[in-house]
N, C-alpha and C. Protein backbone atom coordinates (compact mmCIF):
# COMPACT_ATOMS: atom_id res chain seq x y z
N MET A 1 14.38 -4.62 9.49
CA MET A 1 13.50 -6.10 9.06
C MET A 1 12.15 -5.53 9.21
N LEU A 2 11.55 -4.80 10.34
CA LEU A 2 10.15 -4.57 10.39
C LEU A 2 9.66 -3.70 9.08
N GLY A 3 10.72 -2.73 8.44
CA GLY A 3 10.26 -1.97 7.78
C GLY A 3 9.90 -2.64 6.36
N THR A 4 10.39 -3.80 6.32
CA THR A 4 10.48 -4.63 4.88
C THR A 4 9.37 -5.24 5.12
N ILE A 5 9.08 -5.85 6.27
CA ILE A 5 7.67 -6.59 6.50
C ILE A 5 6.82 -5.71 6.17
N LEU A 6 6.61 -4.22 6.61
CA LEU A 6 5.90 -3.56 6.31
C LEU A 6 5.44 -3.18 4.68
N LEU A 7 6.32 -2.78 4.31
CA LEU A 7 6.45 -2.40 2.78
C LEU A 7 5.86 -3.51 2.06
N VAL A 8 6.38 -5.14 2.30
CA VAL A 8 5.80 -5.83 1.57
C VAL A 8 4.17 -6.20 1.78
N VAL A 9 3.91 -6.06 2.82
CA VAL A 9 2.38 -5.96 3.62
C VAL A 9 1.71 -4.81 2.75
N LEU A 10 2.12 -3.61 2.59
CA LEU A 10 1.55 -2.78 1.95
C LEU A 10 1.13 -2.79 0.64
N ILE A 11 2.55 -3.46 -0.22
CA ILE A 11 2.31 -3.70 -1.36
C ILE A 11 1.18 -4.83 -2.06
N LEU A 12 1.25 -5.82 -0.62
CA LEU A 12 0.09 -6.72 -1.26
C LEU A 12 -1.07 -6.29 -0.95
N LEU A 13 -1.32 -5.37 -0.22
CA LEU A 13 -2.73 -4.71 0.42
C LEU A 13 -3.12 -3.78 -1.11
N LEU A 14 -2.01 -3.03 -1.59
CA LEU A 14 -2.29 -2.15 -2.59
C LEU A 14 -2.53 -2.83 -3.72
N ILE A 15 -2.24 -3.98 -4.17
CA ILE A 15 -2.65 -4.85 -5.33
C ILE A 15 -3.92 -5.66 -4.81
N GLY A 16 -4.09 -5.98 -3.91
CA GLY A 16 -5.67 -6.46 -3.62
C GLY A 16 -6.52 -5.53 -3.78
N ALA A 17 -6.28 -4.41 -3.25
CA ALA A 17 -7.31 -3.36 -3.39
C ALA A 17 -7.53 -2.44 -4.95
N PHE A 18 -6.62 -3.22 -5.59
CA PHE A 18 -6.81 -2.62 -7.20
C PHE A 18 -8.33 -2.83 -7.68
N PRO A 19 -8.93 -1.80 -8.32
CA PRO A 19 -10.69 -2.13 -8.49
C PRO A 19 -10.39 -3.07 -10.10
N ALA A 20 -8.94 -3.89 -10.09
CA ALA A 20 -9.58 -4.86 -11.53
C ALA A 20 -10.12 -6.33 -11.00
N TRP A 21 -9.59 -6.54 -9.59
CA TRP A 21 -9.97 -7.78 -8.97
C TRP A 21 -11.99 -7.72 -8.82
N PRO A 22 -12.65 -8.72 -8.93
CA PRO A 22 -13.72 -9.01 -8.92
C PRO A 22 -14.44 -8.58 -7.64
N HIS A 23 -13.67 -9.03 -6.15
CA HIS A 23 -14.23 -8.35 -5.10
C HIS A 23 -14.14 -7.19 -5.07
N SER A 24 -13.44 -6.32 -5.47
CA SER A 24 -13.26 -4.76 -5.36
C SER A 24 -13.32 -3.92 -6.34
N ARG A 25 -14.47 -4.67 -7.00
CA ARG A 25 -14.68 -3.44 -8.49
C ARG A 25 -15.79 -2.58 -8.14
N SER A 26 -16.50 -2.59 -6.80
CA SER A 26 -17.48 -1.73 -6.64
C SER A 26 -16.69 -0.59 -5.93
N TRP A 27 -15.68 -0.78 -5.01
CA TRP A 27 -15.17 0.13 -4.41
C TRP A 27 -14.67 1.39 -4.98
N GLY A 28 -14.28 1.31 -6.21
CA GLY A 28 -13.61 2.50 -7.10
C GLY A 28 -12.15 2.67 -6.71
N TYR A 29 -11.51 3.80 -6.60
CA TYR A 29 -10.34 3.98 -6.48
C TYR A 29 -9.76 4.76 -5.23
N GLN A 30 -10.71 4.62 -3.90
CA GLN A 30 -10.46 5.19 -2.97
C GLN A 30 -9.23 4.27 -2.32
N PRO A 31 -9.76 3.10 -2.04
CA PRO A 31 -8.96 2.46 -1.24
C PRO A 31 -7.32 2.45 -1.71
N THR A 32 -7.35 2.20 -3.11
CA THR A 32 -5.88 2.16 -3.78
C THR A 32 -5.17 3.61 -3.75
N GLY A 33 -5.66 4.46 -3.67
CA GLY A 33 -5.27 6.02 -3.68
C GLY A 33 -4.93 6.08 -2.03
N LEU A 34 -5.82 5.77 -1.19
CA LEU A 34 -5.14 5.78 0.29
C LEU A 34 -4.07 4.76 0.40
N LEU A 35 -4.11 3.51 0.12
CA LEU A 35 -2.84 2.70 0.42
C LEU A 35 -1.58 3.10 -0.29
N GLY A 36 -1.96 3.75 -1.67
CA GLY A 36 -0.84 4.32 -2.23
C GLY A 36 -0.18 5.57 -1.65
N ILE A 37 -0.53 6.22 -1.12
CA ILE A 37 -0.27 7.57 -0.07
C ILE A 37 0.27 6.62 1.19
N VAL A 38 -0.12 5.73 1.82
CA VAL A 38 0.56 4.95 2.65
C VAL A 38 1.81 4.76 2.44
N LEU A 39 1.93 3.99 1.23
CA LEU A 39 2.82 3.13 1.21
C LEU A 39 3.99 4.35 0.63
N ILE A 40 3.95 5.27 -0.07
CA ILE A 40 4.74 6.26 -0.62
C ILE A 40 5.37 6.79 1.33
N ILE A 41 4.27 7.20 1.99
CA ILE A 41 5.03 7.62 3.19
C ILE A 41 5.95 6.52 3.81
N VAL A 42 5.73 5.15 4.09
CA VAL A 42 6.29 4.20 4.04
C VAL A 42 7.89 4.25 3.48
N ILE A 43 7.70 4.22 2.38
CA ILE A 43 9.03 4.28 1.52
C ILE A 43 9.70 5.28 2.21
N VAL A 44 9.12 6.37 2.03
CA VAL A 44 10.11 7.74 2.39
C VAL A 44 10.71 7.49 3.77
N LEU A 45 10.04 6.91 4.74
CA LEU A 45 10.66 6.71 6.19
C LEU A 45 11.33 5.86 6.02
N LEU A 46 11.42 4.83 5.47
CA LEU A 46 12.44 3.84 5.16
C LEU A 46 13.70 4.35 4.44
N LEU A 47 13.57 5.29 3.34
CA LEU A 47 14.70 5.83 2.79
C LEU A 47 15.51 7.08 3.96
N THR A 48 14.77 7.26 4.89
CA THR A 48 15.52 8.40 6.06
C THR A 48 16.00 7.77 6.88
N GLY A 49 15.66 6.24 7.29
CA GLY A 49 16.18 5.63 8.49
C GLY A 49 15.32 5.53 9.35
N ARG A 50 14.03 6.20 9.24
CA ARG A 50 13.48 6.51 10.79
C ARG A 50 12.58 5.34 11.17
N ILE A 51 12.49 4.11 10.11
CA ILE A 51 11.75 3.13 10.38
C ILE A 51 12.82 1.77 10.64
């Protein structure tokens, strides 16, 4: 249950940090890349049953 909530929150953060939105246009791709890596790690942990 906690893993699913964490996954949904990370996906929403990834969408919010995407540089197409006006509030994040000057940030570049760094936040999106960092959140993408965290999202991949969480997905792998969910698939292996660690979370």
